[in-house]
Amino acid sequence: MIHSPYFVPIAWTLGIILVLLLLIAVGWRNRKRRQSGVPAPFQDFADTEVARFEGMYVATTRGEDWLDRIAVHQLGVRTNADLVIGERGVHFMRAGARAVHVPFAALTRVNRASGMAGKFVEDNGLVITGWVKDDFDFDTGFRPRYHADNAKIYQMLASHLDDAADQETN
C-alpha cells in the first residue's frame, strides 16, 4: 500500500481526467454517427498549380455555421497544410490527413473571418472557402502562415467566383 499524502488526490485527478477523455471520445463518435449522411469530399482531380501557400487547415464546418465542425471523412482534423490554387480548383494538402479538393465550379463564397470551430485569431485572419457537394453546404477554414498571403488567397479565390458568375450570365 502506498502511504503518500498525495496518492488519493493524484488518483482522483487521474480518474477525472480519464472520465473526461472518455466523454470527449463518446461525443466525437456520436457526432460522426449524426453526420453519416454528409457527403465525402471531392476526389483528387488533375490540375496545374498556380500558387501555393503554407498555413493551417482549421476545419470544415456546415456551411455558414462556423461552430458545427464536420467530424466525418477527416474533415474536422486540424493540421498543418498547404493551400494550392490550381487552374481548375483549390486543394488543401494536409499533413497527416487526406487532402481536400474543391473544383472552382463548386465554390459558392469566399470570405475572411476571425474564427471558426475552436480557432480564433486576429480580425480577418482566416480565409473561409464555401463550397457545395451533393446539395450539402460546406465552409473550410485556412489560416495562412504569412499575413501577407491572406489577401492574396482571398483575391485569387474571389476572382474565380467572379469567373463562375460571368459564365452563368453568358
C-alpha atoms as a PDB file:
ATOM      1  CA  MET A   1       0.000   0.000   0.000  1.00  0.00           C
ATOM      2  CA  ILE A   2       1.261   3.451  -0.878  1.00  0.00           C
ATOM      3  CA  HIS A   3       1.432   5.789   2.125  1.00  0.00           C
ATOM      4  CA  SER A   4       1.937   9.098   0.393  1.00  0.00           C
ATOM      5  CA  PRO A   5      -0.328  12.026   1.329  1.00  0.00           C
ATOM      6  CA  TYR A   6      -0.572  12.786  -2.394  1.00  0.00           C
ATOM      7  CA  PHE A   7      -1.775   9.359  -3.529  1.00  0.00           C
ATOM      8  CA  VAL A   8      -5.524   9.965  -3.113  1.00  0.00           C
ATOM      9  CA  PRO A   9      -5.596  13.443  -4.720  1.00  0.00           C
ATOM     10  CA  ILE A  10      -3.466  12.211  -7.633  1.00  0.00           C
ATOM     11  CA  ALA A  11      -5.673   9.130  -8.097  1.00  0.00           C
ATOM     12  CA  TRP A  12      -8.830  11.302  -8.106  1.00  0.00           C
ATOM     13  CA  THR A  13      -7.284  13.753 -10.579  1.00  0.00           C
ATOM     14  CA  LEU A  14      -6.213  10.973 -12.951  1.00  0.00           C
ATOM     15  CA  GLY A  15      -9.645   9.348 -12.649  1.00  0.00           C
ATOM     16  CA  ILE A  16     -11.418  12.605 -13.514  1.00  0.00           C
ATOM     17  CA  ILE A  17      -9.108  13.200 -16.488  1.00  0.00           C
ATOM     18  CA  LEU A  18      -9.776   9.660 -17.736  1.00  0.00           C
ATOM     19  CA  VAL A  19     -13.553  10.148 -17.455  1.00  0.00           C
ATOM     20  CA  LEU A  20     -13.342  13.476 -19.317  1.00  0.00           C
ATOM     21  CA  LEU A  21     -11.295  11.914 -22.134  1.00  0.00           C
ATOM     22  CA  LEU A  22     -13.824   9.089 -22.379  1.00  0.00           C
ATOM     23  CA  LEU A  23     -16.695  11.597 -22.617  1.00  0.00           C
ATOM     24  CA  ILE A  24     -14.863  13.504 -25.369  1.00  0.00           C
ATOM     25  CA  ALA A  25     -14.342  10.270 -27.338  1.00  0.00           C
ATOM     26  CA  VAL A  26     -18.014   9.292 -26.963  1.00  0.00           C
ATOM     27  CA  GLY A  27     -19.120  12.774 -28.049  1.00  0.00           C
ATOM     28  CA  TRP A  28     -16.899  12.683 -31.152  1.00  0.00           C
ATOM     29  CA  ARG A  29     -18.187   9.189 -32.036  1.00  0.00           C
ATOM     30  CA  ASN A  30     -21.799  10.358 -31.654  1.00  0.00           C
ATOM     31  CA  ARG A  31     -21.102  13.435 -33.816  1.00  0.00           C
ATOM     32  CA  LYS A  32     -19.702  11.164 -36.535  1.00  0.00           C
ATOM     33  CA  ARG A  33     -22.808   8.975 -36.308  1.00  0.00           C
ATOM     34  CA  ARG A  34     -25.112  12.019 -36.636  1.00  0.00           C
ATOM     35  CA  GLN A  35     -23.119  13.211 -39.648  1.00  0.00           C
ATOM     36  CA  SER A  36     -23.122   9.894 -41.508  1.00  0.00           C
ATOM     37  CA  GLY A  37     -25.175  11.493 -44.311  1.00  0.00           C
ATOM     38  CA  VAL A  38     -22.578  14.178 -45.023  1.00  0.00           C
ATOM     39  CA  PRO A  39     -21.128  13.539 -48.497  1.00  0.00           C
ATOM     40  CA  ALA A  40     -17.456  12.692 -48.881  1.00  0.00           C
ATOM     41  CA  PRO A  41     -15.282  15.480 -50.291  1.00  0.00           C
ATOM     42  CA  PHE A  42     -14.407  15.585 -53.972  1.00  0.00           C
ATOM     43  CA  GLN A  43     -11.846  13.108 -55.293  1.00  0.00           C
ATOM     44  CA  ASP A  44      -8.471  14.392 -56.419  1.00  0.00           C
ATOM     45  CA  PHE A  45      -8.504  15.746 -59.958  1.00  0.00           C
ATOM     46  CA  ALA A  46      -5.784  16.668 -62.426  1.00  0.00           C
ATOM     47  CA  ASP A  47      -4.804  20.286 -62.012  1.00  0.00           C
ATOM     48  CA  THR A  48      -1.902  22.619 -62.717  1.00  0.00           C
ATOM     49  CA  GLU A  49      -0.560  24.539 -59.717  1.00  0.00           C
ATOM     50  CA  VAL A  50      -0.833  28.319 -59.967  1.00  0.00           C
ATOM     51  CA  ALA A  51       0.035  29.294 -56.380  1.00  0.00           C
ATOM     52  CA  ARG A  52       0.901  27.573 -53.094  1.00  0.00           C
ATOM     53  CA  PHE A  53       0.538  28.982 -49.575  1.00  0.00           C
ATOM     54  CA  GLU A  54       1.730  27.496 -46.264  1.00  0.00           C
ATOM     55  CA  GLY A  55      -0.534  27.557 -43.253  1.00  0.00           C
ATOM     56  CA  MET A  56      -3.025  25.633 -41.173  1.00  0.00           C
ATOM     57  CA  TYR A  57      -6.166  23.825 -42.262  1.00  0.00           C
ATOM     58  CA  VAL A  58      -8.526  24.813 -39.441  1.00  0.00           C
ATOM     59  CA  ALA A  59     -11.624  22.701 -40.107  1.00  0.00           C
ATOM     60  CA  THR A  60     -14.567  22.162 -42.370  1.00  0.00           C
ATOM     61  CA  THR A  61     -17.936  23.078 -40.913  1.00  0.00           C
ATOM     62  CA  ARG A  62     -21.521  23.019 -42.063  1.00  0.00           C
ATOM     63  CA  GLY A  63     -21.995  25.985 -44.399  1.00  0.00           C
ATOM     64  CA  GLU A  64     -22.258  29.326 -42.613  1.00  0.00           C
ATOM     65  CA  ASP A  65     -22.391  27.591 -39.201  1.00  0.00           C
ATOM     66  CA  TRP A  66     -18.831  28.174 -38.025  1.00  0.00           C
ATOM     67  CA  LEU A  67     -19.265  26.091 -34.843  1.00  0.00           C
ATOM     68  CA  ASP A  68     -20.639  22.873 -36.417  1.00  0.00           C
ATOM     69  CA  ARG A  69     -17.390  21.066 -37.230  1.00  0.00           C
ATOM     70  CA  ILE A  70     -17.724  18.149 -39.650  1.00  0.00           C
ATOM     71  CA  ALA A  71     -16.271  15.053 -37.958  1.00  0.00           C
ATOM     72  CA  VAL A  72     -16.671  12.512 -40.782  1.00  0.00           C
ATOM     73  CA  HIS A  73     -14.223  11.976 -43.673  1.00  0.00           C
ATOM     74  CA  GLN A  74     -11.416  13.522 -41.537  1.00  0.00           C
ATOM     75  CA  LEU A  75     -12.791  16.994 -42.332  1.00  0.00           C
ATOM     76  CA  GLY A  76     -12.694  18.077 -38.691  1.00  0.00           C
ATOM     77  CA  VAL A  77      -9.000  17.300 -38.169  1.00  0.00           C
ATOM     78  CA  ARG A  78      -6.890  20.455 -37.766  1.00  0.00           C
ATOM     79  CA  THR A  79      -3.497  20.072 -39.436  1.00  0.00           C
ATOM     80  CA  ASN A  80      -0.668  21.999 -40.999  1.00  0.00           C
ATOM     81  CA  ALA A  81      -1.390  22.310 -44.689  1.00  0.00           C
ATOM     82  CA  ASP A  82      -0.537  23.920 -47.971  1.00  0.00           C
ATOM     83  CA  LEU A  83      -3.356  25.634 -49.814  1.00  0.00           C
ATOM     84  CA  VAL A  84      -2.767  25.073 -53.512  1.00  0.00           C
ATOM     85  CA  ILE A  85      -4.708  27.118 -56.038  1.00  0.00           C
ATOM     86  CA  GLY A  86      -4.753  25.430 -59.404  1.00  0.00           C
ATOM     87  CA  GLU A  87      -6.269  26.208 -62.778  1.00  0.00           C
ATOM     88  CA  ARG A  88      -9.331  24.056 -62.006  1.00  0.00           C
ATOM     89  CA  GLY A  89      -9.742  24.263 -58.236  1.00  0.00           C
ATOM     90  CA  VAL A  90      -8.398  24.730 -54.742  1.00  0.00           C
ATOM     91  CA  HIS A  91      -6.585  21.969 -52.867  1.00  0.00           C
ATOM     92  CA  PHE A  92      -5.920  21.766 -49.130  1.00  0.00           C
ATOM     93  CA  MET A  93      -2.859  19.481 -48.939  1.00  0.00           C
ATOM     94  CA  ARG A  94      -2.986  18.413 -45.284  1.00  0.00           C
ATOM     95  CA  ALA A  95      -0.171  16.844 -43.264  1.00  0.00           C
ATOM     96  CA  GLY A  96      -1.313  13.589 -41.650  1.00  0.00           C
ATOM     97  CA  ALA A  97      -4.810  13.631 -43.163  1.00  0.00           C
ATOM     98  CA  ARG A  98      -6.401  13.241 -46.579  1.00  0.00           C
ATOM     99  CA  ALA A  99      -6.222  16.253 -48.859  1.00  0.00           C
ATOM    100  CA  VAL A 100      -9.416  18.195 -49.558  1.00  0.00           C
ATOM    101  CA  HIS A 101     -10.014  19.117 -53.208  1.00  0.00           C
ATOM    102  CA  VAL A 102     -12.652  21.620 -54.350  1.00  0.00           C
ATOM    103  CA  PRO A 103     -13.237  22.402 -58.035  1.00  0.00           C
ATOM    104  CA  PHE A 104     -13.951  26.057 -58.781  1.00  0.00           C
ATOM    105  CA  ALA A 105     -17.390  25.083 -60.111  1.00  0.00           C
ATOM    106  CA  ALA A 106     -18.350  24.029 -56.562  1.00  0.00           C
ATOM    107  CA  LEU A 107     -17.214  27.290 -54.878  1.00  0.00           C
ATOM    108  CA  THR A 108     -20.094  29.369 -53.535  1.00  0.00           C
ATOM    109  CA  ARG A 109     -18.389  32.067 -51.466  1.00  0.00           C
ATOM    110  CA  VAL A 110     -15.086  33.250 -50.063  1.00  0.00           C
ATOM    111  CA  ASN A 111     -14.753  35.462 -47.020  1.00  0.00           C
ATOM    112  CA  ARG A 112     -12.421  36.253 -44.176  1.00  0.00           C
ATOM    113  CA  ALA A 113     -13.206  35.812 -40.512  1.00  0.00           C
ATOM    114  CA  SER A 114     -11.557  35.890 -37.114  1.00  0.00           C
ATOM    115  CA  GLY A 115     -12.603  32.403 -36.050  1.00  0.00           C
ATOM    116  CA  MET A 116     -14.349  29.109 -36.603  1.00  0.00           C
ATOM    117  CA  ALA A 117     -14.746  25.782 -34.745  1.00  0.00           C
ATOM    118  CA  GLY A 118     -12.245  26.285 -31.942  1.00  0.00           C
ATOM    119  CA  LYS A 119      -9.683  28.515 -33.694  1.00  0.00           C
ATOM    120  CA  PHE A 120      -9.787  32.257 -33.108  1.00  0.00           C
ATOM    121  CA  VAL A 121      -7.220  34.697 -34.474  1.00  0.00           C
ATOM    122  CA  GLU A 122      -6.893  38.392 -35.295  1.00  0.00           C
ATOM    123  CA  ASP A 123      -9.583  40.145 -37.323  1.00  0.00           C
ATOM    124  CA  ASN A 124      -9.903  38.541 -40.791  1.00  0.00           C
ATOM    125  CA  GLY A 125      -7.055  36.109 -40.046  1.00  0.00           C
ATOM    126  CA  LEU A 126      -8.824  33.108 -41.604  1.00  0.00           C
ATOM    127  CA  VAL A 127      -9.824  32.600 -45.224  1.00  0.00           C
ATOM    128  CA  ILE A 128     -13.156  30.749 -45.355  1.00  0.00           C
ATOM    129  CA  THR A 129     -13.978  28.908 -48.577  1.00  0.00           C
ATOM    130  CA  GLY A 130     -17.631  27.975 -49.090  1.00  0.00           C
ATOM    131  CA  TRP A 131     -18.435  25.063 -51.386  1.00  0.00           C
ATOM    132  CA  VAL A 132     -21.231  22.637 -52.211  1.00  0.00           C
ATOM    133  CA  LYS A 133     -21.267  18.923 -52.937  1.00  0.00           C
ATOM    134  CA  ASP A 134     -24.457  16.906 -53.411  1.00  0.00           C
ATOM    135  CA  ASP A 135     -26.551  19.851 -52.150  1.00  0.00           C
ATOM    136  CA  PHE A 136     -24.596  19.947 -48.868  1.00  0.00           C
ATOM    137  CA  ASP A 137     -23.053  23.301 -47.978  1.00  0.00           C
ATOM    138  CA  PHE A 138     -19.513  23.318 -46.512  1.00  0.00           C
ATOM    139  CA  ASP A 139     -17.182  26.023 -45.174  1.00  0.00           C
ATOM    140  CA  THR A 140     -13.462  25.250 -45.000  1.00  0.00           C
ATOM    141  CA  GLY A 141     -11.143  27.479 -42.985  1.00  0.00           C
ATOM    142  CA  PHE A 142      -7.473  28.104 -43.716  1.00  0.00           C
ATOM    143  CA  ARG A 143      -5.025  30.233 -41.728  1.00  0.00           C
ATOM    144  CA  PRO A 144      -2.081  31.376 -43.867  1.00  0.00           C
ATOM    145  CA  ARG A 145       1.306  31.217 -42.195  1.00  0.00           C
ATOM    146  CA  TYR A 146       2.250  34.660 -43.512  1.00  0.00           C
ATOM    147  CA  HIS A 147      -0.141  37.549 -43.007  1.00  0.00           C
ATOM    148  CA  ALA A 148       0.510  38.995 -46.486  1.00  0.00           C
ATOM    149  CA  ASP A 149      -0.784  35.761 -48.067  1.00  0.00           C
ATOM    150  CA  ASN A 150      -4.248  36.275 -46.585  1.00  0.00           C
ATOM    151  CA  ALA A 151      -5.281  38.984 -49.054  1.00  0.00           C
ATOM    152  CA  LYS A 152      -3.636  37.151 -51.981  1.00  0.00           C
ATOM    153  CA  ILE A 153      -5.574  33.954 -51.282  1.00  0.00           C
ATOM    154  CA  TYR A 154      -8.818  35.852 -50.838  1.00  0.00           C
ATOM    155  CA  GLN A 155      -8.380  37.779 -54.103  1.00  0.00           C
ATOM    156  CA  MET A 156      -7.388  34.711 -56.107  1.00  0.00           C
ATOM    157  CA  LEU A 157     -10.352  32.664 -54.882  1.00  0.00           C
ATOM    158  CA  ALA A 158     -12.814  35.554 -55.206  1.00  0.00           C
ATOM    159  CA  SER A 159     -11.716  36.057 -58.821  1.00  0.00           C
ATOM    160  CA  HIS A 160     -12.836  32.500 -59.573  1.00  0.00           C
ATOM    161  CA  LEU A 161     -16.245  33.251 -58.076  1.00  0.00           C
ATOM    162  CA  ASP A 162     -16.491  36.231 -60.424  1.00  0.00           C
ATOM    163  CA  ASP A 163     -15.494  33.997 -63.377  1.00  0.00           C
ATOM    164  CA  ALA A 164     -18.222  31.476 -62.491  1.00  0.00           C
ATOM    165  CA  ALA A 165     -20.841  34.247 -62.248  1.00  0.00           C
ATOM    166  CA  ASP A 166     -19.751  35.607 -65.645  1.00  0.00           C
ATOM    167  CA  GLN A 167     -20.079  32.149 -67.223  1.00  0.00           C
ATOM    168  CA  GLU A 168     -23.613  31.717 -65.830  1.00  0.00           C
ATOM    169  CA  THR A 169     -24.783  35.029 -67.311  1.00  0.00           C
ATOM    170  CA  ASN A 170     -23.357  34.290 -70.786  1.00  0.00           C
END
